[in-house]
């Protein structure tokens, strides 16, 4: 059953910006962390950014200073603002509801269907 839905993906030129959003169900949320992962075809899933239940955000070294993760509790959405995009940022991006409070992965994590980002 689909529990998270991403939107905002698309194509952008290098150096440009893009914003991804994820609808998070408040009634079904049962985790201490929300995050964004990305994956290229046949590649591994890379943790891009996370925000825990205390509001602390962490970023992968590859995106630090360029990406910003945020949560809008009123709207029930998780957002990833991406700036100064590079071709290596091209990937399918996934919204993830993580059950572990330290934002480490678990088989019980809930994943969205993903949204494609292409930087050229």
N, C-alpha and C. Protein backbone atom coordinates (compact mmCIF):
# COMPACT_ATOMS: atom_id res chain seq x y z
N UNK A 1 0.84 -1.18 0.00
CA UNK A 1 0.00 0.00 0.00
C UNK A 1 0.88 1.25 0.00
N UNK A 2 0.60 2.18 -0.92
CA UNK A 2 1.36 3.42 -1.02
C UNK A 2 1.01 4.34 0.14
N UNK A 3 2.03 4.72 0.89
CA UNK A 3 1.82 5.56 2.06
C UNK A 3 2.42 6.96 1.91
N UNK A 4 3.39 7.11 1.00
CA UNK A 4 4.05 8.37 0.76
C UNK A 4 4.05 8.66 -0.74
N UNK A 5 3.81 9.93 -1.11
CA UNK A 5 3.74 10.31 -2.51
C UNK A 5 4.63 11.51 -2.77
N UNK A 6 5.65 11.33 -3.63
CA UNK A 6 6.56 12.40 -3.99
C UNK A 6 6.07 13.15 -5.22
N UNK A 7 6.50 14.41 -5.33
CA UNK A 7 6.20 15.23 -6.49
C UNK A 7 7.28 16.29 -6.65
N UNK A 8 7.34 16.91 -7.82
CA UNK A 8 8.27 18.00 -8.05
C UNK A 8 9.49 17.65 -8.87
N UNK A 9 9.64 16.39 -9.24
CA UNK A 9 10.77 15.99 -10.04
C UNK A 9 10.66 16.55 -11.45
N UNK A 10 11.77 16.51 -12.18
CA UNK A 10 11.78 17.01 -13.53
C UNK A 10 13.18 17.17 -14.06
N UNK A 11 13.30 17.91 -15.14
CA UNK A 11 14.59 18.15 -15.79
C UNK A 11 15.03 19.59 -15.57
N UNK A 12 16.31 19.77 -15.28
CA UNK A 12 16.84 21.10 -15.02
C UNK A 12 18.29 21.16 -15.49
N UNK A 13 18.73 22.34 -15.89
CA UNK A 13 20.12 22.51 -16.31
C UNK A 13 21.04 22.59 -15.10
N UNK A 14 22.28 22.20 -15.30
CA UNK A 14 23.27 22.28 -14.23
C UNK A 14 23.34 23.69 -13.69
N UNK A 15 23.40 23.79 -12.37
CA UNK A 15 23.42 25.09 -11.72
C UNK A 15 22.05 25.58 -11.33
N UNK A 16 21.02 24.91 -11.80
CA UNK A 16 19.66 25.31 -11.51
C UNK A 16 19.15 24.76 -10.19
N UNK A 17 17.87 25.01 -9.93
CA UNK A 17 17.25 24.59 -8.68
C UNK A 17 15.97 23.81 -8.93
N UNK A 18 15.60 23.01 -7.95
CA UNK A 18 14.39 22.20 -8.02
C UNK A 18 13.92 21.92 -6.60
N UNK A 19 12.62 21.78 -6.42
CA UNK A 19 12.07 21.49 -5.11
C UNK A 19 11.18 20.25 -5.17
N UNK A 20 11.47 19.30 -4.30
CA UNK A 20 10.69 18.08 -4.22
C UNK A 20 9.80 18.13 -2.98
N UNK A 21 8.61 17.55 -3.08
CA UNK A 21 7.69 17.51 -1.96
C UNK A 21 7.18 16.10 -1.75
N UNK A 22 6.80 15.80 -0.53
CA UNK A 22 6.29 14.49 -0.18
C UNK A 22 5.12 14.65 0.77
N UNK A 23 3.99 14.05 0.43
CA UNK A 23 2.82 14.08 1.29
C UNK A 23 2.97 12.99 2.35
N UNK A 24 2.90 13.39 3.61
CA UNK A 24 3.06 12.47 4.73
C UNK A 24 1.76 12.42 5.52
N UNK A 25 1.21 11.23 5.70
CA UNK A 25 -0.02 11.06 6.45
C UNK A 25 0.25 11.17 7.94
N UNK A 26 -0.33 12.16 8.58
CA UNK A 26 -0.13 12.36 10.01
C UNK A 26 -0.73 11.21 10.81
N UNK A 27 -1.85 10.67 10.36
CA UNK A 27 -2.53 9.62 11.09
C UNK A 27 -1.81 8.29 11.03
N UNK A 28 -1.04 8.06 9.99
CA UNK A 28 -0.34 6.79 9.82
C UNK A 28 1.15 6.86 10.15
N UNK A 29 1.67 8.07 10.32
CA UNK A 29 3.09 8.22 10.62
C UNK A 29 3.43 7.58 11.95
N UNK A 30 4.45 6.76 11.96
CA UNK A 30 4.87 6.07 13.17
C UNK A 30 6.38 5.91 13.17
N UNK A 31 7.07 7.03 13.09
CA UNK A 31 8.51 7.00 13.02
C UNK A 31 9.12 8.23 13.69
N UNK A 32 10.43 8.16 13.91
CA UNK A 32 11.14 9.27 14.52
C UNK A 32 11.99 10.05 13.55
N UNK A 33 11.86 9.75 12.27
CA UNK A 33 12.71 10.40 11.28
C UNK A 33 12.07 10.38 9.90
N UNK A 34 12.28 11.44 9.15
CA UNK A 34 11.86 11.52 7.76
C UNK A 34 13.09 11.84 6.93
N UNK A 35 13.14 11.29 5.72
CA UNK A 35 14.32 11.53 4.91
C UNK A 35 14.10 11.40 3.42
N UNK A 36 15.12 11.79 2.69
CA UNK A 36 15.16 11.64 1.25
C UNK A 36 16.34 10.77 0.86
N UNK A 37 16.09 9.79 0.02
CA UNK A 37 17.12 8.94 -0.55
C UNK A 37 17.09 9.11 -2.05
N UNK A 38 18.18 8.74 -2.71
CA UNK A 38 18.20 8.76 -4.17
C UNK A 38 18.92 7.53 -4.69
N UNK A 39 18.55 7.13 -5.90
CA UNK A 39 19.12 5.93 -6.49
C UNK A 39 19.19 6.06 -8.00
N UNK A 40 20.35 5.72 -8.57
CA UNK A 40 20.50 5.67 -10.02
C UNK A 40 20.21 4.24 -10.46
N UNK A 41 19.90 4.02 -11.74
CA UNK A 41 19.62 2.66 -12.21
C UNK A 41 20.76 1.71 -11.87
N UNK A 42 20.41 0.59 -11.26
CA UNK A 42 21.35 -0.45 -10.86
C UNK A 42 22.30 0.00 -9.76
N UNK A 43 22.05 1.15 -9.19
CA UNK A 43 22.91 1.67 -8.15
C UNK A 43 22.35 1.43 -6.76
N UNK A 44 23.13 1.82 -5.77
CA UNK A 44 22.70 1.68 -4.39
C UNK A 44 21.86 2.88 -4.00
N UNK A 45 21.10 2.73 -2.94
CA UNK A 45 20.31 3.84 -2.45
C UNK A 45 21.17 4.70 -1.52
N UNK A 46 21.25 5.97 -1.82
CA UNK A 46 22.07 6.90 -1.08
C UNK A 46 21.20 7.78 -0.20
N UNK A 47 21.55 7.88 1.06
CA UNK A 47 20.83 8.77 1.97
C UNK A 47 21.25 10.20 1.67
N UNK A 48 20.29 11.03 1.28
CA UNK A 48 20.58 12.40 0.89
C UNK A 48 20.44 13.36 2.06
N UNK A 49 19.33 13.27 2.77
CA UNK A 49 19.07 14.18 3.88
C UNK A 49 18.02 13.58 4.80
N UNK A 50 18.12 13.89 6.09
CA UNK A 50 17.14 13.42 7.07
C UNK A 50 16.84 14.52 8.08
N UNK A 51 15.67 14.43 8.68
CA UNK A 51 15.30 15.31 9.78
C UNK A 51 14.62 14.45 10.84
N UNK A 52 15.14 14.48 12.08
CA UNK A 52 14.59 13.63 13.12
C UNK A 52 13.46 14.30 13.87
N UNK A 53 12.93 13.60 14.89
CA UNK A 53 11.77 14.12 15.61
C UNK A 53 12.09 15.32 16.49
N UNK A 54 13.36 15.66 16.62
CA UNK A 54 13.78 16.86 17.33
C UNK A 54 14.09 18.00 16.37
N UNK A 55 13.86 17.79 15.10
CA UNK A 55 14.09 18.82 14.11
C UNK A 55 15.52 18.93 13.62
N UNK A 56 16.36 18.00 14.01
CA UNK A 56 17.76 18.04 13.59
C UNK A 56 17.92 17.47 12.19
N UNK A 57 18.58 18.22 11.33
CA UNK A 57 18.78 17.82 9.95
C UNK A 57 20.22 17.40 9.70
N UNK A 58 20.39 16.37 8.88
CA UNK A 58 21.71 15.91 8.48
C UNK A 58 21.71 15.72 6.97
N UNK A 59 22.89 15.90 6.37
CA UNK A 59 23.01 15.82 4.92
C UNK A 59 24.20 14.98 4.51
N UNK A 60 24.07 14.36 3.36
CA UNK A 60 25.19 13.66 2.77
C UNK A 60 26.24 14.70 2.37
N UNK A 61 27.50 14.33 2.46
CA UNK A 61 28.57 15.26 2.11
C UNK A 61 28.43 15.79 0.69
N UNK A 62 27.90 14.96 -0.20
CA UNK A 62 27.78 15.33 -1.59
C UNK A 62 26.77 16.45 -1.85
N UNK A 63 25.84 16.66 -0.92
CA UNK A 63 24.81 17.68 -1.11
C UNK A 63 24.85 18.78 -0.07
N UNK A 64 25.71 18.64 0.92
CA UNK A 64 25.79 19.61 2.01
C UNK A 64 26.07 21.01 1.46
N UNK A 65 25.27 21.97 1.91
CA UNK A 65 25.42 23.34 1.46
C UNK A 65 24.60 23.66 0.23
N UNK A 66 24.05 22.65 -0.42
CA UNK A 66 23.26 22.86 -1.63
C UNK A 66 21.80 22.45 -1.45
N UNK A 67 21.55 21.44 -0.62
CA UNK A 67 20.20 20.93 -0.40
C UNK A 67 19.71 21.31 0.99
N UNK A 68 18.39 21.49 1.12
CA UNK A 68 17.78 21.79 2.41
C UNK A 68 16.53 20.94 2.60
N UNK A 69 16.47 20.20 3.71
CA UNK A 69 15.30 19.40 4.02
C UNK A 69 14.46 20.13 5.06
N UNK A 70 13.15 20.06 4.92
CA UNK A 70 12.27 20.72 5.87
C UNK A 70 10.94 19.99 5.95
N UNK A 71 10.26 20.15 7.08
CA UNK A 71 8.97 19.53 7.30
C UNK A 71 7.95 20.59 7.65
N UNK A 72 6.80 20.55 6.99
CA UNK A 72 5.69 21.46 7.27
C UNK A 72 4.62 20.64 7.97
N UNK A 73 4.54 20.76 9.29
CA UNK A 73 3.61 19.95 10.06
C UNK A 73 2.16 20.27 9.73
N UNK A 74 1.85 21.55 9.50
CA UNK A 74 0.49 21.96 9.19
C UNK A 74 0.01 21.37 7.87
N UNK A 75 0.88 21.36 6.88
CA UNK A 75 0.54 20.82 5.57
C UNK A 75 0.74 19.32 5.49
N UNK A 76 1.51 18.76 6.40
CA UNK A 76 1.80 17.34 6.37
C UNK A 76 2.68 16.98 5.19
N UNK A 77 3.68 17.82 4.94
CA UNK A 77 4.57 17.60 3.81
C UNK A 77 6.03 17.66 4.21
N UNK A 78 6.84 16.92 3.50
CA UNK A 78 8.29 16.94 3.63
C UNK A 78 8.85 17.50 2.33
N UNK A 79 9.78 18.45 2.43
CA UNK A 79 10.30 19.12 1.25
C UNK A 79 11.82 18.99 1.16
N UNK A 80 12.31 18.90 -0.06
CA UNK A 80 13.74 18.92 -0.32
C UNK A 80 14.01 20.01 -1.34
N UNK A 81 14.65 21.08 -0.90
CA UNK A 81 15.03 22.16 -1.78
C UNK A 81 16.44 21.87 -2.30
N UNK A 82 16.59 21.85 -3.61
CA UNK A 82 17.86 21.52 -4.23
C UNK A 82 18.34 22.71 -5.06
N UNK A 83 19.56 23.14 -4.80
CA UNK A 83 20.14 24.28 -5.50
C UNK A 83 21.51 23.92 -6.04
N UNK A 84 21.98 24.72 -6.99
CA UNK A 84 23.27 24.50 -7.64
C UNK A 84 23.43 23.04 -8.05
N UNK A 85 22.42 22.55 -8.74
CA UNK A 85 22.38 21.15 -9.12
C UNK A 85 23.49 20.78 -10.09
N UNK A 86 23.97 19.55 -9.95
CA UNK A 86 25.03 19.00 -10.77
C UNK A 86 24.52 17.77 -11.51
N UNK A 87 25.13 17.42 -12.63
CA UNK A 87 24.70 16.21 -13.35
C UNK A 87 24.72 14.97 -12.46
N UNK A 88 25.65 14.88 -11.53
CA UNK A 88 25.72 13.72 -10.65
C UNK A 88 24.58 13.67 -9.64
N UNK A 89 23.76 14.71 -9.57
CA UNK A 89 22.57 14.69 -8.73
C UNK A 89 21.42 13.96 -9.40
N UNK A 90 21.56 13.67 -10.69
CA UNK A 90 20.51 12.97 -11.42
C UNK A 90 20.25 11.60 -10.80
N UNK A 91 19.00 11.34 -10.45
CA UNK A 91 18.63 10.09 -9.81
C UNK A 91 17.13 10.08 -9.57
N UNK A 92 16.64 8.94 -9.11
CA UNK A 92 15.26 8.88 -8.66
C UNK A 92 15.29 9.13 -7.17
N UNK A 93 14.50 10.10 -6.73
CA UNK A 93 14.49 10.51 -5.34
C UNK A 93 13.28 9.94 -4.62
N UNK A 94 13.52 9.40 -3.42
CA UNK A 94 12.48 8.76 -2.64
C UNK A 94 12.28 9.43 -1.29
N UNK A 95 11.04 9.61 -0.92
CA UNK A 95 10.68 10.07 0.41
C UNK A 95 10.57 8.85 1.31
N UNK A 96 11.17 8.90 2.49
CA UNK A 96 11.19 7.73 3.37
C UNK A 96 10.78 8.10 4.79
N UNK A 97 9.85 7.33 5.33
CA UNK A 97 9.43 7.46 6.72
C UNK A 97 10.21 6.40 7.50
N UNK A 98 11.19 6.84 8.28
CA UNK A 98 12.09 5.93 8.97
C UNK A 98 11.67 5.76 10.42
N UNK A 99 11.65 4.51 10.89
CA UNK A 99 11.15 4.23 12.23
C UNK A 99 12.20 4.42 13.31
N UNK A 100 13.46 4.37 12.96
CA UNK A 100 14.52 4.52 13.95
C UNK A 100 14.81 5.98 14.23
N UNK A 101 14.91 6.32 15.51
CA UNK A 101 15.08 7.70 15.92
C UNK A 101 16.43 8.29 15.52
N UNK A 102 17.42 7.42 15.26
CA UNK A 102 18.73 7.91 14.85
C UNK A 102 18.84 8.03 13.34
N UNK A 103 17.73 7.84 12.62
CA UNK A 103 17.65 8.00 11.17
C UNK A 103 18.48 6.98 10.39
N UNK A 104 18.74 5.84 11.00
CA UNK A 104 19.37 4.75 10.28
C UNK A 104 18.29 3.89 9.64
N UNK A 105 18.64 3.21 8.56
CA UNK A 105 17.66 2.44 7.81
C UNK A 105 17.20 1.19 8.53
N UNK A 106 15.96 0.80 8.26
CA UNK A 106 15.35 -0.39 8.80
C UNK A 106 14.46 -1.02 7.75
N UNK A 107 14.32 -2.35 7.75
CA UNK A 107 13.40 -3.00 6.80
C UNK A 107 11.96 -2.54 6.96
N UNK A 108 11.63 -1.93 8.08
CA UNK A 108 10.27 -1.47 8.34
C UNK A 108 10.01 -0.05 7.85
N UNK A 109 11.01 0.60 7.29
CA UNK A 109 10.84 1.96 6.77
C UNK A 109 9.80 1.98 5.65
N UNK A 110 9.03 3.05 5.57
CA UNK A 110 8.04 3.22 4.53
C UNK A 110 8.61 4.09 3.42
N UNK A 111 8.49 3.63 2.19
CA UNK A 111 9.05 4.33 1.02
C UNK A 111 7.97 4.78 0.07
N UNK A 112 8.19 5.93 -0.56
CA UNK A 112 7.31 6.40 -1.61
C UNK A 112 7.69 5.75 -2.92
N UNK A 113 6.99 6.12 -3.99
CA UNK A 113 7.25 5.53 -5.30
C UNK A 113 8.42 6.18 -6.02
N UNK A 114 8.84 7.35 -5.57
CA UNK A 114 9.97 8.04 -6.14
C UNK A 114 9.58 9.03 -7.22
N UNK A 115 10.45 10.01 -7.45
CA UNK A 115 10.27 10.99 -8.51
C UNK A 115 11.62 11.24 -9.17
N UNK A 116 11.63 11.31 -10.49
CA UNK A 116 12.88 11.40 -11.24
C UNK A 116 13.39 12.83 -11.33
N UNK A 117 14.69 12.98 -11.12
CA UNK A 117 15.38 14.26 -11.27
C UNK A 117 16.50 14.08 -12.28
N UNK A 118 16.51 14.91 -13.31
CA UNK A 118 17.53 14.83 -14.34
C UNK A 118 18.21 16.19 -14.50
N UNK A 119 19.53 16.20 -14.33
CA UNK A 119 20.31 17.43 -14.44
C UNK A 119 21.26 17.29 -15.62
N UNK A 120 21.21 18.24 -16.55
CA UNK A 120 22.05 18.19 -17.73
C UNK A 120 22.79 19.49 -17.98
